[in-house]
Amino acid sequence: MSEYDWNAAIERGRQRDQPQYADEIKQSLVVGFHLVCLRCGAGYYHTRFTMSELSYRMYSYCPNCIEKAIELLLKTDKEGLKNDD
């Protein structure tokens, strides 16, 4: 019995599926979502692909508000560590 060639099987699958994935990526880059931040009301845009990868919390707020929240959390954490000493 001959040994099964996994590399060849993976390559056949990649060649078979690649056009489908390429079309999905093209569509996701073309079709997007115009959103409004729940905190500041600013308008922003995400592609369909990005929306599928993000949680609700991440796409409910604009990138600027998320960055501000992270900075505040880091600052609070550092201050909390100083107070614990």
Protein backbone atom coordinates (compact mmCIF):
# COMPACT_ATOMS: atom_id res chain seq x y z
CA MET A 1 0.00 0.00 0.00
CA SER A 2 1.34 3.42 -0.89
CA GLU A 3 1.65 6.19 1.65
CA TYR A 4 -1.00 8.94 1.49
CA ASP A 5 0.42 12.28 0.34
CA TRP A 6 -1.08 14.84 2.74
CA ASN A 7 0.71 17.76 1.11
CA ALA A 8 -0.79 16.95 -2.27
CA ALA A 9 -4.26 16.58 -0.74
CA ILE A 10 -3.96 19.94 1.02
CA GLU A 11 -2.79 21.61 -2.18
CA ARG A 12 -5.72 20.13 -4.15
CA GLY A 13 -8.14 21.47 -1.52
CA ARG A 14 -6.51 24.89 -1.55
CA GLN A 15 -6.72 25.13 -5.34
CA ARG A 16 -10.36 23.99 -5.26
CA ASP A 17 -11.42 26.42 -2.50
CA GLN A 18 -9.27 29.44 -3.31
CA PRO A 19 -11.59 31.00 -5.94
CA GLN A 20 -14.53 30.85 -3.51
CA TYR A 21 -12.54 32.55 -0.74
CA ALA A 22 -11.15 35.11 -3.17
CA ASP A 23 -14.71 36.08 -4.19
CA GLU A 24 -15.78 36.36 -0.54
CA ILE A 25 -12.84 38.63 0.24
CA LYS A 26 -13.58 40.84 -2.79
CA GLN A 27 -17.24 41.13 -1.75
CA SER A 28 -16.37 41.92 1.85
CA LEU A 29 -14.04 44.70 0.75
CA VAL A 30 -16.71 46.22 -1.49
CA VAL A 31 -19.72 45.83 0.79
CA GLY A 32 -19.30 47.46 4.16
CA PHE A 33 -21.20 48.98 7.02
CA HIS A 34 -21.50 52.64 7.91
CA LEU A 35 -21.89 52.76 11.67
CA VAL A 36 -22.42 55.38 14.38
CA CYS A 37 -20.48 55.22 17.64
CA LEU A 38 -22.74 54.72 20.67
CA ARG A 39 -20.52 56.94 22.82
CA CYS A 40 -19.57 59.98 20.71
CA GLY A 41 -21.91 59.66 17.72
CA ALA A 42 -19.11 59.74 15.16
CA GLY A 43 -19.66 57.91 11.91
CA TYR A 44 -17.19 55.19 10.90
CA TYR A 45 -16.97 52.28 8.46
CA HIS A 46 -16.17 48.57 8.67
CA THR A 47 -16.08 45.96 5.91
CA ARG A 48 -18.23 42.84 6.15
CA PHE A 49 -15.10 40.78 6.84
CA THR A 50 -14.12 43.06 9.73
CA MET A 51 -17.64 42.90 11.15
CA SER A 52 -17.51 39.11 11.11
CA GLU A 53 -14.25 39.13 13.08
CA LEU A 54 -15.24 41.70 15.74
CA SER A 55 -17.45 41.32 18.78
CA TYR A 56 -20.52 43.52 19.28
CA ARG A 57 -18.67 45.69 21.79
CA MET A 58 -15.88 46.34 19.33
CA TYR A 59 -18.09 47.50 16.48
CA SER A 60 -20.51 49.47 18.64
CA TYR A 61 -17.86 52.09 19.33
CA CYS A 62 -15.52 53.95 16.99
CA PRO A 63 -11.81 53.14 17.10
CA ASN A 64 -11.08 56.47 18.86
CA CYS A 65 -13.44 55.70 21.76
CA ILE A 66 -12.05 52.17 22.09
CA GLU A 67 -8.51 53.57 22.20
CA LYS A 68 -9.54 56.11 24.88
CA ALA A 69 -11.17 53.36 26.95
CA ILE A 70 -8.05 51.20 26.77
CA GLU A 71 -5.86 54.14 27.79
CA LEU A 72 -8.15 54.84 30.74
CA LEU A 73 -8.09 51.19 31.83
CA LEU A 74 -4.30 51.08 31.63
CA LYS A 75 -4.00 54.33 33.58
CA THR A 76 -6.45 53.09 36.22
CA ASP A 77 -4.58 49.79 36.49
CA LYS A 78 -1.25 51.57 36.99
CA GLU A 79 -2.75 53.85 39.64
CA GLY A 80 -4.34 50.85 41.35
CA LEU A 81 -0.97 49.12 41.53
CA LYS A 82 0.59 52.22 43.09
CA ASN A 83 -2.13 52.39 45.74
CA ASP A 84 -1.70 48.71 46.64
CA ASP A 85 1.98 49.17 47.54
